[in-house]
Full PDB file with SEQRES, HELIX, SHEET, SSBOND, CRYST1, ORIGX, SCALE, CONECT and MASTER records, all heavy atoms in Angstrom:
SEQRES   1 A   42  THR ASP LEU TYR GLY GLY ASP TYR THR THR LEU LEU ARG          
SEQRES   2 A   42  SER LEU ARG LYS LEU ALA GLU VAL GLU GLY ASP TYR ARG          
SEQRES   3 A   42  VAL TYR PRO GLY HIS GLY ASP SER THR THR LEU GLN PHE          
SEQRES   4 A   42  GLU ARG GLN                                                  
HELIX    1 AA1 TYR A    8  ALA A   19  1                                  12    
HELIX    2 AA2 LEU A   37  ARG A   41  1                                   5    
CRYST1    1.000    1.000    1.000  90.00  90.00  90.00 P 1           1          
ORIGX1      1.000000  0.000000  0.000000        0.00000                         
ORIGX2      0.000000  1.000000  0.000000        0.00000                         
ORIGX3      0.000000  0.000000  1.000000        0.00000                         
SCALE1      1.000000  0.000000  0.000000        0.00000                         
SCALE2      0.000000  1.000000  0.000000        0.00000                         
SCALE3      0.000000  0.000000  1.000000        0.00000                         
ATOM      1  N   THR A   1       0.809  -1.221   0.000  1.00  0.00           N  
ATOM      2  CA  THR A   1       0.000   0.000   0.000  1.00  0.00           C  
ATOM      3  C   THR A   1       0.840   1.266   0.000  1.00  0.00           C  
ATOM      4  O   THR A   1       0.317   2.356   0.254  1.00  0.00           O  
ATOM      5  CB  THR A   1      -0.944   0.024   1.223  1.00  0.00           C  
ATOM      6  OG1 THR A   1      -0.160  -0.055   2.425  1.00  0.00           O  
ATOM      7  CG2 THR A   1      -1.922  -1.137   1.182  1.00  0.00           C  
ATOM      8  N   ASP A   2       2.123   1.135  -0.306  1.00  0.00           N  
ATOM      9  CA  ASP A   2       3.019   2.296  -0.245  1.00  0.00           C  
ATOM     10  C   ASP A   2       3.283   2.911  -1.610  1.00  0.00           C  
ATOM     11  O   ASP A   2       4.181   3.742  -1.751  1.00  0.00           O  
ATOM     12  CB  ASP A   2       4.347   1.896   0.408  1.00  0.00           C  
ATOM     13  CG  ASP A   2       5.075   0.790  -0.338  1.00  0.00           C  
ATOM     14  OD1 ASP A   2       4.411   0.011  -1.070  1.00  0.00           O  
ATOM     15  OD2 ASP A   2       6.318   0.694  -0.199  1.00  0.00           O  
ATOM     16  N   LEU A   3       2.508   2.537  -2.618  1.00  0.00           N  
ATOM     17  CA  LEU A   3       2.639   3.117  -3.952  1.00  0.00           C  
ATOM     18  C   LEU A   3       1.481   4.078  -4.203  1.00  0.00           C  
ATOM     19  O   LEU A   3       0.580   4.215  -3.371  1.00  0.00           O  
ATOM     20  CB  LEU A   3       2.662   2.007  -5.003  1.00  0.00           C  
ATOM     21  CG  LEU A   3       3.768   0.963  -4.824  1.00  0.00           C  
ATOM     22  CD1 LEU A   3       3.582  -0.196  -5.791  1.00  0.00           C  
ATOM     23  CD2 LEU A   3       5.148   1.590  -4.988  1.00  0.00           C  
ATOM     24  N   TYR A   4       1.499   4.759  -5.346  1.00  0.00           N  
ATOM     25  CA  TYR A   4       0.479   5.753  -5.661  1.00  0.00           C  
ATOM     26  C   TYR A   4      -0.927   5.161  -5.492  1.00  0.00           C  
ATOM     27  O   TYR A   4      -1.234   4.103  -6.036  1.00  0.00           O  
ATOM     28  CB  TYR A   4       0.638   6.276  -7.093  1.00  0.00           C  
ATOM     29  CG  TYR A   4      -0.488   7.186  -7.499  1.00  0.00           C  
ATOM     30  CD1 TYR A   4      -0.533   8.503  -7.056  1.00  0.00           C  
ATOM     31  CD2 TYR A   4      -1.539   6.706  -8.277  1.00  0.00           C  
ATOM     32  CE1 TYR A   4      -1.590   9.337  -7.389  1.00  0.00           C  
ATOM     33  CE2 TYR A   4      -2.597   7.533  -8.624  1.00  0.00           C  
ATOM     34  CZ  TYR A   4      -2.619   8.843  -8.171  1.00  0.00           C  
ATOM     35  OH  TYR A   4      -3.671   9.662  -8.498  1.00  0.00           O  
ATOM     36  N   GLY A   5      -1.752   5.856  -4.739  1.00  0.00           N  
ATOM     37  CA  GLY A   5      -3.139   5.451  -4.559  1.00  0.00           C  
ATOM     38  C   GLY A   5      -3.360   4.405  -3.495  1.00  0.00           C  
ATOM     39  O   GLY A   5      -4.507   4.040  -3.210  1.00  0.00           O  
ATOM     40  N   GLY A   6      -2.281   3.909  -2.886  1.00  0.00           N  
ATOM     41  CA  GLY A   6      -2.431   2.878  -1.877  1.00  0.00           C  
ATOM     42  C   GLY A   6      -2.761   3.449  -0.512  1.00  0.00           C  
ATOM     43  O   GLY A   6      -2.348   4.554  -0.159  1.00  0.00           O  
ATOM     44  N   ASP A   7      -3.514   2.665   0.273  1.00  0.00           N  
ATOM     45  CA  ASP A   7      -3.855   3.099   1.626  1.00  0.00           C  
ATOM     46  C   ASP A   7      -4.205   1.856   2.438  1.00  0.00           C  
ATOM     47  O   ASP A   7      -5.119   1.099   2.080  1.00  0.00           O  
ATOM     48  CB  ASP A   7      -5.040   4.064   1.607  1.00  0.00           C  
ATOM     49  CG  ASP A   7      -5.409   4.550   2.995  1.00  0.00           C  
ATOM     50  OD1 ASP A   7      -4.723   5.455   3.502  1.00  0.00           O  
ATOM     51  OD2 ASP A   7      -6.368   3.991   3.567  1.00  0.00           O  
ATOM     52  N   TYR A   8      -3.490   1.653   3.535  1.00  0.00           N  
ATOM     53  CA  TYR A   8      -3.640   0.417   4.300  1.00  0.00           C  
ATOM     54  C   TYR A   8      -5.013   0.312   4.961  1.00  0.00           C  
ATOM     55  O   TYR A   8      -5.632  -0.768   4.949  1.00  0.00           O  
ATOM     56  CB  TYR A   8      -2.535   0.327   5.367  1.00  0.00           C  
ATOM     57  CG  TYR A   8      -2.535  -0.986   6.107  1.00  0.00           C  
ATOM     58  CD1 TYR A   8      -2.188  -2.175   5.467  1.00  0.00           C  
ATOM     59  CD2 TYR A   8      -2.883  -1.052   7.456  1.00  0.00           C  
ATOM     60  CE1 TYR A   8      -2.187  -3.386   6.141  1.00  0.00           C  
ATOM     61  CE2 TYR A   8      -2.883  -2.251   8.140  1.00  0.00           C  
ATOM     62  CZ  TYR A   8      -2.535  -3.417   7.472  1.00  0.00           C  
ATOM     63  OH  TYR A   8      -2.534  -4.615   8.137  1.00  0.00           O  
ATOM     64  N   THR A   9      -5.512   1.388   5.522  1.00  0.00           N  
ATOM     65  CA  THR A   9      -6.828   1.351   6.154  1.00  0.00           C  
ATOM     66  C   THR A   9      -7.908   0.994   5.145  1.00  0.00           C  
ATOM     67  O   THR A   9      -8.825   0.202   5.430  1.00  0.00           O  
ATOM     68  CB  THR A   9      -7.147   2.697   6.831  1.00  0.00           C  
ATOM     69  OG1 THR A   9      -6.143   2.971   7.817  1.00  0.00           O  
ATOM     70  CG2 THR A   9      -8.508   2.677   7.491  1.00  0.00           C  
ATOM     71  N   THR A  10      -7.786   1.564   3.951  1.00  0.00           N  
ATOM     72  CA  THR A  10      -8.737   1.249   2.880  1.00  0.00           C  
ATOM     73  C   THR A  10      -8.624  -0.212   2.476  1.00  0.00           C  
ATOM     74  O   THR A  10      -9.636  -0.885   2.231  1.00  0.00           O  
ATOM     75  CB  THR A  10      -8.492   2.168   1.675  1.00  0.00           C  
ATOM     76  OG1 THR A  10      -8.623   3.526   2.076  1.00  0.00           O  
ATOM     77  CG2 THR A  10      -9.475   1.885   0.551  1.00  0.00           C  
ATOM     78  N   LEU A  11      -7.407  -0.712   2.400  1.00  0.00           N  
ATOM     79  CA  LEU A  11      -7.211  -2.123   2.060  1.00  0.00           C  
ATOM     80  C   LEU A  11      -7.878  -3.031   3.084  1.00  0.00           C  
ATOM     81  O   LEU A  11      -8.513  -4.036   2.723  1.00  0.00           O  
ATOM     82  CB  LEU A  11      -5.722  -2.438   1.957  1.00  0.00           C  
ATOM     83  CG  LEU A  11      -5.382  -3.890   1.592  1.00  0.00           C  
ATOM     84  CD1 LEU A  11      -5.838  -4.208   0.176  1.00  0.00           C  
ATOM     85  CD2 LEU A  11      -3.900  -4.167   1.740  1.00  0.00           C  
ATOM     86  N   LEU A  12      -7.761  -2.707   4.361  1.00  0.00           N  
ATOM     87  CA  LEU A  12      -8.400  -3.527   5.390  1.00  0.00           C  
ATOM     88  C   LEU A  12      -9.914  -3.559   5.198  1.00  0.00           C  
ATOM     89  O   LEU A  12     -10.552  -4.613   5.368  1.00  0.00           O  
ATOM     90  CB  LEU A  12      -8.052  -3.011   6.778  1.00  0.00           C  
ATOM     91  CG  LEU A  12      -6.614  -3.234   7.256  1.00  0.00           C  
ATOM     92  CD1 LEU A  12      -6.424  -2.625   8.642  1.00  0.00           C  
ATOM     93  CD2 LEU A  12      -6.249  -4.712   7.267  1.00  0.00           C  
ATOM     94  N   ARG A  13     -10.503  -2.435   4.820  1.00  0.00           N  
ATOM     95  CA  ARG A  13     -11.950  -2.422   4.563  1.00  0.00           C  
ATOM     96  C   ARG A  13     -12.296  -3.329   3.392  1.00  0.00           C  
ATOM     97  O   ARG A  13     -13.306  -4.042   3.414  1.00  0.00           O  
ATOM     98  CB  ARG A  13     -12.428  -0.991   4.293  1.00  0.00           C  
ATOM     99  CG  ARG A  13     -12.496  -0.118   5.541  1.00  0.00           C  
ATOM    100  CD  ARG A  13     -13.361   1.109   5.307  1.00  0.00           C  
ATOM    101  NE  ARG A  13     -12.775   2.002   4.319  1.00  0.00           N  
ATOM    102  CZ  ARG A  13     -11.977   3.029   4.607  1.00  0.00           C  
ATOM    103  NH1 ARG A  13     -11.653   3.276   5.878  1.00  0.00           N  
ATOM    104  NH2 ARG A  13     -11.493   3.797   3.664  1.00  0.00           N  
ATOM    105  N   SER A  14     -11.442  -3.336   2.376  1.00  0.00           N  
ATOM    106  CA  SER A  14     -11.685  -4.196   1.217  1.00  0.00           C  
ATOM    107  C   SER A  14     -11.521  -5.665   1.583  1.00  0.00           C  
ATOM    108  O   SER A  14     -12.283  -6.528   1.116  1.00  0.00           O  
ATOM    109  CB  SER A  14     -10.733  -3.824   0.074  1.00  0.00           C  
ATOM    110  OG  SER A  14     -11.039  -2.539  -0.435  1.00  0.00           O  
ATOM    111  N   LEU A  15     -10.549  -5.978   2.408  1.00  0.00           N  
ATOM    112  CA  LEU A  15     -10.366  -7.360   2.854  1.00  0.00           C  
ATOM    113  C   LEU A  15     -11.574  -7.832   3.664  1.00  0.00           C  
ATOM    114  O   LEU A  15     -12.028  -8.973   3.517  1.00  0.00           O  
ATOM    115  CB  LEU A  15      -9.093  -7.481   3.680  1.00  0.00           C  
ATOM    116  CG  LEU A  15      -7.775  -7.290   2.931  1.00  0.00           C  
ATOM    117  CD1 LEU A  15      -6.613  -7.279   3.920  1.00  0.00           C  
ATOM    118  CD2 LEU A  15      -7.562  -8.372   1.878  1.00  0.00           C  
ATOM    119  N   ARG A  16     -12.088  -6.964   4.501  1.00  0.00           N  
ATOM    120  CA  ARG A  16     -13.282  -7.313   5.271  1.00  0.00           C  
ATOM    121  C   ARG A  16     -14.460  -7.556   4.327  1.00  0.00           C  
ATOM    122  O   ARG A  16     -15.238  -8.519   4.523  1.00  0.00           O  
ATOM    123  CB  ARG A  16     -13.612  -6.209   6.267  1.00  0.00           C  
ATOM    124  CG  ARG A  16     -14.804  -6.532   7.156  1.00  0.00           C  
ATOM    125  CD  ARG A  16     -14.914  -5.572   8.329  1.00  0.00           C  
ATOM    126  NE  ARG A  16     -15.204  -4.207   7.924  1.00  0.00           N  
ATOM    127  CZ  ARG A  16     -14.361  -3.193   8.027  1.00  0.00           C  
ATOM    128  NH1 ARG A  16     -13.135  -3.354   8.506  1.00  0.00           N  
ATOM    129  NH2 ARG A  16     -14.717  -1.984   7.647  1.00  0.00           N  
ATOM    130  N   LYS A  17     -14.568  -6.740   3.313  1.00  0.00           N  
ATOM    131  CA  LYS A  17     -15.640  -6.897   2.333  1.00  0.00           C  
ATOM    132  C   LYS A  17     -15.546  -8.256   1.635  1.00  0.00           C  
ATOM    133  O   LYS A  17     -16.552  -8.958   1.461  1.00  0.00           O  
ATOM    134  CB  LYS A  17     -15.551  -5.761   1.310  1.00  0.00           C  
ATOM    135  CG  LYS A  17     -16.630  -5.730   0.259  1.00  0.00           C  
ATOM    136  CD  LYS A  17     -16.417  -4.490  -0.604  1.00  0.00           C  
ATOM    137  CE  LYS A  17     -17.522  -4.290  -1.601  1.00  0.00           C  
ATOM    138  NZ  LYS A  17     -17.322  -3.023  -2.354  1.00  0.00           N  
ATOM    139  N   LEU A  18     -14.334  -8.647   1.234  1.00  0.00           N  
ATOM    140  CA  LEU A  18     -14.152  -9.946   0.592  1.00  0.00           C  
ATOM    141  C   LEU A  18     -14.450 -11.076   1.561  1.00  0.00           C  
ATOM    142  O   LEU A  18     -15.101 -12.065   1.198  1.00  0.00           O  
ATOM    143  CB  LEU A  18     -12.731 -10.075   0.050  1.00  0.00           C  
ATOM    144  CG  LEU A  18     -12.359  -9.168  -1.121  1.00  0.00           C  
ATOM    145  CD1 LEU A  18     -10.921  -9.441  -1.564  1.00  0.00           C  
ATOM    146  CD2 LEU A  18     -13.307  -9.369  -2.306  1.00  0.00           C  
ATOM    147  N   ALA A  19     -13.960 -10.957   2.785  1.00  0.00           N  
ATOM    148  CA  ALA A  19     -14.168 -12.017   3.767  1.00  0.00           C  
ATOM    149  C   ALA A  19     -15.644 -12.221   4.076  1.00  0.00           C  
ATOM    150  O   ALA A  19     -16.055 -13.336   4.441  1.00  0.00           O  
ATOM    151  CB  ALA A  19     -13.406 -11.698   5.049  1.00  0.00           C  
ATOM    152  N   GLU A  20     -16.442 -11.184   3.922  1.00  0.00           N  
ATOM    153  CA  GLU A  20     -17.861 -11.271   4.247  1.00  0.00           C  
ATOM    154  C   GLU A  20     -18.722 -11.705   3.065  1.00  0.00           C  
ATOM    155  O   GLU A  20     -19.949 -11.847   3.213  1.00  0.00           O  
ATOM    156  CB  GLU A  20     -18.340  -9.929   4.800  1.00  0.00           C  
ATOM    157  CG  GLU A  20     -17.738  -9.631   6.178  1.00  0.00           C  
ATOM    158  CD  GLU A  20     -18.106  -8.266   6.727  1.00  0.00           C  
ATOM    159  OE1 GLU A  20     -18.589  -7.419   5.924  1.00  0.00           O  
ATOM    160  OE2 GLU A  20     -17.906  -8.033   7.925  1.00  0.00           O  
ATOM    161  N   VAL A  21     -18.100 -11.941   1.909  1.00  0.00           N  
ATOM    162  CA  VAL A  21     -18.850 -12.517   0.798  1.00  0.00           C  
ATOM    163  C   VAL A  21     -19.284 -13.931   1.202  1.00  0.00           C  
ATOM    164  O   VAL A  21     -18.499 -14.725   1.705  1.00  0.00           O  
ATOM    165  CB  VAL A  21     -17.987 -12.572  -0.483  1.00  0.00           C  
ATOM    166  CG1 VAL A  21     -18.727 -13.322  -1.589  1.00  0.00           C  
ATOM    167  CG2 VAL A  21     -17.648 -11.158  -0.946  1.00  0.00           C  
ATOM    168  N   GLU A  22     -20.544 -14.240   1.016  1.00  0.00           N  
ATOM    169  CA  GLU A  22     -21.062 -15.536   1.464  1.00  0.00           C  
ATOM    170  C   GLU A  22     -20.449 -16.678   0.659  1.00  0.00           C  
ATOM    171  O   GLU A  22     -20.207 -16.573  -0.541  1.00  0.00           O  
ATOM    172  CB  GLU A  22     -22.592 -15.566   1.324  1.00  0.00           C  
ATOM    173  CG  GLU A  22     -23.317 -14.660   2.304  1.00  0.00           C  
ATOM    174  CD  GLU A  22     -24.815 -14.854   2.251  1.00  0.00           C  
ATOM    175  OE1 GLU A  22     -25.277 -15.785   1.556  1.00  0.00           O  
ATOM    176  OE2 GLU A  22     -25.535 -14.076   2.902  1.00  0.00           O  
ATOM    177  N   GLY A  23     -20.213 -17.782   1.354  1.00  0.00           N  
ATOM    178  CA  GLY A  23     -19.731 -18.985   0.701  1.00  0.00           C  
ATOM    179  C   GLY A  23     -18.223 -18.993   0.537  1.00  0.00           C  
ATOM    180  O   GLY A  23     -17.502 -18.134   1.066  1.00  0.00           O  
ATOM    181  N   ASP A  24     -17.763 -19.986  -0.198  1.00  0.00           N  
ATOM    182  CA  ASP A  24     -16.336 -20.130  -0.452  1.00  0.00           C  
ATOM    183  C   ASP A  24     -16.070 -19.902  -1.930  1.00  0.00           C  
ATOM    184  O   ASP A  24     -16.944 -20.138  -2.774  1.00  0.00           O  
ATOM    185  CB  ASP A  24     -15.862 -21.525  -0.036  1.00  0.00           C  
ATOM    186  CG  ASP A  24     -14.354 -21.604   0.123  1.00  0.00           C  
ATOM    187  OD1 ASP A  24     -13.698 -20.537   0.114  1.00  0.00           O  
ATOM    188  OD2 ASP A  24     -13.828 -22.720   0.259  1.00  0.00           O  
ATOM    189  N   TYR A  25     -14.874 -19.440  -2.225  1.00  0.00           N  
ATOM    190  CA  TYR A  25     -14.470 -19.170  -3.601  1.00  0.00           C  
ATOM    191  C   TYR A  25     -13.039 -19.645  -3.794  1.00  0.00           C  
ATOM    192  O   TYR A  25     -12.229 -19.611  -2.857  1.00  0.00           O  
ATOM    193  CB  TYR A  25     -14.531 -17.669  -3.914  1.00  0.00           C  
ATOM    194  CG  TYR A  25     -15.922 -17.123  -4.103  1.00  0.00           C  
ATOM    195  CD1 TYR A  25     -16.739 -16.823  -3.010  1.00  0.00           C  
ATOM    196  CD2 TYR A  25     -16.426 -16.906  -5.378  1.00  0.00           C  
ATOM    197  CE1 TYR A  25     -18.009 -16.320  -3.186  1.00  0.00           C  
ATOM    198  CE2 TYR A  25     -17.704 -16.399  -5.572  1.00  0.00           C  
ATOM    199  CZ  TYR A  25     -18.488 -16.117  -4.468  1.00  0.00           C  
ATOM    200  OH  TYR A  25     -19.758 -15.624  -4.649  1.00  0.00           O  
ATOM    201  N   ARG A  26     -12.732 -20.066  -5.004  1.00  0.00           N  
ATOM    202  CA  ARG A  26     -11.346 -20.228  -5.394  1.00  0.00           C  
ATOM    203  C   ARG A  26     -10.808 -18.842  -5.704  1.00  0.00           C  
ATOM    204  O   ARG A  26     -11.349 -18.141  -6.552  1.00  0.00           O  
ATOM    205  CB  ARG A  26     -11.258 -21.134  -6.621  1.00  0.00           C  
ATOM    206  CG  ARG A  26      -9.910 -21.169  -7.322  1.00  0.00           C  
ATOM    207  CD  ARG A  26      -8.803 -21.712  -6.462  1.00  0.00           C  
ATOM    208  NE  ARG A  26      -9.007 -23.063  -5.998  1.00  0.00           N  
ATOM    209  CZ  ARG A  26      -8.133 -23.739  -5.259  1.00  0.00           C  
ATOM    210  NH1 ARG A  26      -6.995 -23.163  -4.873  1.00  0.00           N  
ATOM    211  NH2 ARG A  26      -8.401 -24.965  -4.874  1.00  0.00           N  
ATOM    212  N   VAL A  27      -9.778 -18.431  -4.989  1.00  0.00           N  
ATOM    213  CA  VAL A  27      -9.219 -17.086  -5.148  1.00  0.00           C  
ATOM    214  C   VAL A  27      -8.047 -17.149  -6.114  1.00  0.00           C  
ATOM    215  O   VAL A  27      -7.065 -17.860  -5.880  1.00  0.00           O  
ATOM    216  CB  VAL A  27      -8.759 -16.516  -3.789  1.00  0.00           C  
ATOM    217  CG1 VAL A  27      -8.127 -15.134  -3.988  1.00  0.00           C  
ATOM    218  CG2 VAL A  27      -9.933 -16.433  -2.812  1.00  0.00           C  
ATOM    219  N   TYR A  28      -8.158 -16.384  -7.191  1.00  0.00           N  
ATOM    220  CA  TYR A  28      -7.105 -16.277  -8.191  1.00  0.00           C  
ATOM    221  C   TYR A  28      -6.439 -14.905  -8.028  1.00  0.00           C  
ATOM    222  O   TYR A  28      -6.990 -13.885  -8.433  1.00  0.00           O  
ATOM    223  CB  TYR A  28      -7.690 -16.423  -9.594  1.00  0.00           C  
ATOM    224  CG  TYR A  28      -8.243 -17.798  -9.878  1.00  0.00           C  
ATOM    225  CD1 TYR A  28      -9.613 -18.053  -9.789  1.00  0.00           C  
ATOM    226  CD2 TYR A  28      -7.404 -18.851 -10.238  1.00  0.00           C  
ATOM    227  CE1 TYR A  28     -10.125 -19.320 -10.054  1.00  0.00           C  
ATOM    228  CE2 TYR A  28      -7.898 -20.114 -10.500  1.00  0.00           C  
ATOM    229  CZ  TYR A  28      -9.259 -20.337 -10.409  1.00  0.00           C  
ATOM    230  OH  TYR A  28      -9.763 -21.597 -10.664  1.00  0.00           O  
ATOM    231  N   PRO A  29      -5.246 -14.860  -7.434  1.00  0.00           N  
ATOM    232  CA  PRO A  29      -4.596 -13.578  -7.154  1.00  0.00           C  
ATOM    233  C   PRO A  29      -3.771 -13.064  -8.333  1.00  0.00           C  
ATOM    234  O   PRO A  29      -3.528 -13.778  -9.316  1.00  0.00           O  
ATOM    235  CB  PRO A  29      -3.694 -13.926  -5.968  1.00  0.00           C  
ATOM    236  CG  PRO A  29      -3.293 -15.341  -6.237  1.00  0.00           C  
ATOM    237  CD  PRO A  29      -4.493 -16.003  -6.888  1.00  0.00           C  
ATOM    238  N   GLY A  30      -3.319 -11.821  -8.194  1.00  0.00           N  
ATOM    239  CA  GLY A  30      -2.516 -11.210  -9.244  1.00  0.00           C  
ATOM    240  C   GLY A  30      -1.128 -11.798  -9.379  1.00  0.00           C  
ATOM    241  O   GLY A  30      -0.511 -11.702 -10.446  1.00  0.00           O  
ATOM    242  N   HIS A  31      -0.643 -12.419  -8.323  1.00  0.00           N  
ATOM    243  CA  HIS A  31       0.682 -13.047  -8.332  1.00  0.00           C  
ATOM    244  C   HIS A  31       0.627 -14.271  -7.417  1.00  0.00           C  
ATOM    245  O   HIS A  31      -0.104 -14.278  -6.418  1.00  0.00           O  
ATOM    246  CB  HIS A  31       1.767 -12.093  -7.821  1.00  0.00           C  
ATOM    247  CG  HIS A  31       1.849 -10.803  -8.568  1.00  0.00           C  
ATOM    248  ND1 HIS A  31       2.681 -10.613  -9.653  1.00  0.00           N  
ATOM    249  CD2 HIS A  31       1.183  -9.637  -8.386  1.00  0.00           C  
ATOM    250  CE1 HIS A  31       2.531  -9.382 -10.107  1.00  0.00           C  
ATOM    251  NE2 HIS A  31       1.623  -8.762  -9.355  1.00  0.00           N  
ATOM    252  N   GLY A  32       1.404 -15.275  -7.737  1.00  0.00           N  
ATOM    253  CA  GLY A  32       1.537 -16.413  -6.841  1.00  0.00           C  
ATOM    254  C   GLY A  32       0.429 -17.432  -6.984  1.00  0.00           C  
ATOM    255  O   GLY A  32      -0.367 -17.421  -7.929  1.00  0.00           O  
ATOM    256  N   ASP A  33       0.397 -18.337  -6.005  1.00  0.00           N  
ATOM    257  CA  ASP A  33      -0.507 -19.485  -6.060  1.00  0.00           C  
ATOM    258  C   ASP A  33      -1.948 -19.089  -5.755  1.00  0.00           C  
ATOM    259  O   ASP A  33      -2.214 -18.149  -4.994  1.00  0.00           O  
ATOM    260  CB  ASP A  33      -0.074 -20.543  -5.039  1.00  0.00           C  
ATOM    261  CG  ASP A  33       1.283 -21.147  -5.371  1.00  0.00           C  
ATOM    262  OD1 ASP A  33       1.654 -21.156  -6.564  1.00  0.00           O  
ATOM    263  OD2 ASP A  33       1.957 -21.621  -4.442  1.00  0.00           O  
ATOM    264  N   SER A  34      -2.865 -19.872  -6.319  1.00  0.00           N  
ATOM    265  CA  SER A  34      -4.275 -19.719  -5.986  1.00  0.00           C  
ATOM    266  C   SER A  34      -4.523 -20.214  -4.563  1.00  0.00           C  
ATOM    267  O   SER A  34      -3.731 -20.956  -3.991  1.00  0.00           O  
ATOM    268  CB  SER A  34      -5.137 -20.503  -6.978  1.00  0.00           C  
ATOM    269  OG  SER A  34      -4.929 -20.052  -8.293  1.00  0.00           O  
ATOM    270  N   THR A  35      -5.652 -19.797  -4.015  1.00  0.00           N  
ATOM    271  CA  THR A  35      -6.017 -20.200  -2.661  1.00  0.00           C  
ATOM    272  C   THR A  35      -7.533 -20.274  -2.604  1.00  0.00           C  
ATOM    273  O   THR A  35      -8.203 -20.282  -3.632  1.00  0.00           O  
ATOM    274  CB  THR A  35      -5.428 -19.201  -1.639  1.00  0.00           C  
ATOM    275  OG1 THR A  35      -5.736 -19.634  -0.320  1.00  0.00           O  
ATOM    276  CG2 THR A  35      -5.930 -17.783  -1.849  1.00  0.00           C  
ATOM    277  N   THR A  36      -8.087 -20.361  -1.416  1.00  0.00           N  
ATOM    278  CA  THR A  36      -9.534 -20.306  -1.254  1.00  0.00           C  
ATOM    279  C   THR A  36      -9.877 -19.216  -0.257  1.00  0.00           C  
ATOM    280  O   THR A  36      -9.086 -18.887   0.636  1.00  0.00           O  
ATOM    281  CB  THR A  36     -10.131 -21.634  -0.773  1.00  0.00           C  
ATOM    282  OG1 THR A  36      -9.708 -21.891   0.571  1.00  0.00           O  
ATOM    283  CG2 THR A  36      -9.713 -22.785  -1.685  1.00  0.00           C  
ATOM    284  N   LEU A  37     -11.073 -18.688  -0.392  1.00  0.00           N  
ATOM    285  CA  LEU A  37     -11.503 -17.626   0.507  1.00  0.00           C  
ATOM    286  C   LEU A  37     -11.600 -18.153   1.943  1.00  0.00           C  
ATOM    287  O   LEU A  37     -11.212 -17.454   2.895  1.00  0.00           O  
ATOM    288  CB  LEU A  37     -12.834 -17.050   0.041  1.00  0.00           C  
ATOM    289  CG  LEU A  37     -13.350 -15.833   0.798  1.00  0.00           C  
ATOM    290  CD1 LEU A  37     -12.349 -14.695   0.761  1.00  0.00           C  
ATOM    291  CD2 LEU A  37     -14.700 -15.395   0.231  1.00  0.00           C  
ATOM    292  N   GLN A  38     -12.092 -19.372   2.102  1.00  0.00           N  
ATOM    293  CA  GLN A  38     -12.223 -19.917   3.449  1.00  0.00           C  
ATOM    294  C   GLN A  38     -10.857 -20.099   4.104  1.00  0.00           C  
ATOM    295  O   GLN A  38     -10.685 -19.801   5.292  1.00  0.00           O  
ATOM    296  CB  GLN A  38     -12.977 -21.243   3.425  1.00  0.00           C  
ATOM    297  CG  GLN A  38     -13.260 -21.838   4.796  1.00  0.00           C  
ATOM    298  CD  GLN A  38     -14.084 -20.933   5.698  1.00  0.00           C  
ATOM    299  OE1 GLN A  38     -14.769 -20.018   5.235  1.00  0.00           O  
ATOM    300  NE2 GLN A  38     -14.012 -21.160   6.993  1.00  0.00           N  
ATOM    301  N   PHE A  39      -9.862 -20.571   3.333  1.00  0.00           N  
ATOM    302  CA  PHE A  39      -8.514 -20.712   3.887  1.00  0.00           C  
ATOM    303  C   PHE A  39      -7.990 -19.359   4.349  1.00  0.00           C  
ATOM    304  O   PHE A  39      -7.383 -19.254   5.426  1.00  0.00           O  
ATOM    305  CB  PHE A  39      -7.573 -21.314   2.850  1.00  0.00           C  
ATOM    306  CG  PHE A  39      -6.158 -21.466   3.335  1.00  0.00           C  
ATOM    307  CD1 PHE A  39      -5.751 -22.601   4.004  1.00  0.00           C  
ATOM    308  CD2 PHE A  39      -5.219 -20.445   3.133  1.00  0.00           C  
ATOM    309  CE1 PHE A  39      -4.445 -22.732   4.478  1.00  0.00           C  
ATOM    310  CE2 PHE A  39      -3.916 -20.561   3.603  1.00  0.00           C  
ATOM    311  CZ  PHE A  39      -3.536 -21.706   4.266  1.00  0.00           C  
ATOM    312  N   GLU A  40      -8.214 -18.323   3.544  1.00  0.00           N  
ATOM    313  CA  GLU A  40      -7.705 -16.998   3.909  1.00  0.00           C  
ATOM    314  C   GLU A  40      -8.450 -16.431   5.112  1.00  0.00           C  
ATOM    315  O   GLU A  40      -7.852 -15.775   5.966  1.00  0.00           O  
ATOM    316  CB  GLU A  40      -7.789 -16.050   2.713  1.00  0.00           C  
ATOM    317  CG  GLU A  40      -6.949 -16.487   1.516  1.00  0.00           C  
ATOM    318  CD  GLU A  40      -5.490 -16.734   1.857  1.00  0.00           C  
ATOM    319  OE1 GLU A  40      -4.917 -15.929   2.611  1.00  0.00           O  
ATOM    320  OE2 GLU A  40      -4.937 -17.740   1.383  1.00  0.00           O  
ATOM    321  N   ARG A  41      -9.748 -16.692   5.213  1.00  0.00           N  
ATOM    322  CA  ARG A  41     -10.482 -16.253   6.407  1.00  0.00           C  
ATOM    323  C   ARG A  41      -9.853 -16.835   7.665  1.00  0.00           C  
ATOM    324  O   ARG A  41      -9.747 -16.177   8.695  1.00  0.00           O  
ATOM    325  CB  ARG A  41     -11.942 -16.702   6.323  1.00  0.00           C  
ATOM    326  CG  ARG A  41     -12.816 -15.994   5.313  1.00  0.00           C  
ATOM    327  CD  ARG A  41     -14.245 -16.464   5.494  1.00  0.00           C  
ATOM    328  NE  ARG A  41     -15.149 -15.967   4.469  1.00  0.00           N  
ATOM    329  CZ  ARG A  41     -15.756 -16.737   3.556  1.00  0.00           C  
ATOM    330  NH1 ARG A  41     -15.513 -18.042   3.538  1.00  0.00           N  
ATOM    331  NH2 ARG A  41     -16.576 -16.206   2.676  1.00  0.00           N  
ATOM    332  N   GLN A  42      -9.430 -18.077   7.585  1.00  0.00           N  
ATOM    333  CA  GLN A  42      -8.936 -18.785   8.761  1.00  0.00           C  
ATOM    334  C   GLN A  42      -7.455 -18.549   9.035  1.00  0.00           C  
ATOM    335  O   GLN A  42      -7.011 -18.704  10.181  1.00  0.00           O  
ATOM    336  CB  GLN A  42      -9.193 -20.283   8.593  1.00  0.00           C  
ATOM    337  CG  GLN A  42     -10.664 -20.656   8.550  1.00  0.00           C  
ATOM    338  CD  GLN A  42     -10.887 -22.115   8.220  1.00  0.00           C  
ATOM    339  OE1 GLN A  42      -9.970 -22.823   7.787  1.00  0.00           O  
ATOM    340  NE2 GLN A  42     -12.102 -22.589   8.419  1.00  0.00           N  
TER     341      GLN A  42                                                      
MASTER        0    0    0    2    0    0    0    6  340    1    0    4          
END                                                                             
């Protein structure tokens, strides 16, 4: 969050928003291995 337009507090709100999406999802990130939403919640 240290580049142009980044903000850590805003990112935390977005993470909370994703975590509160109902159900589980296969998460495909911009870099690295895929994961699942439930794994990341935990």
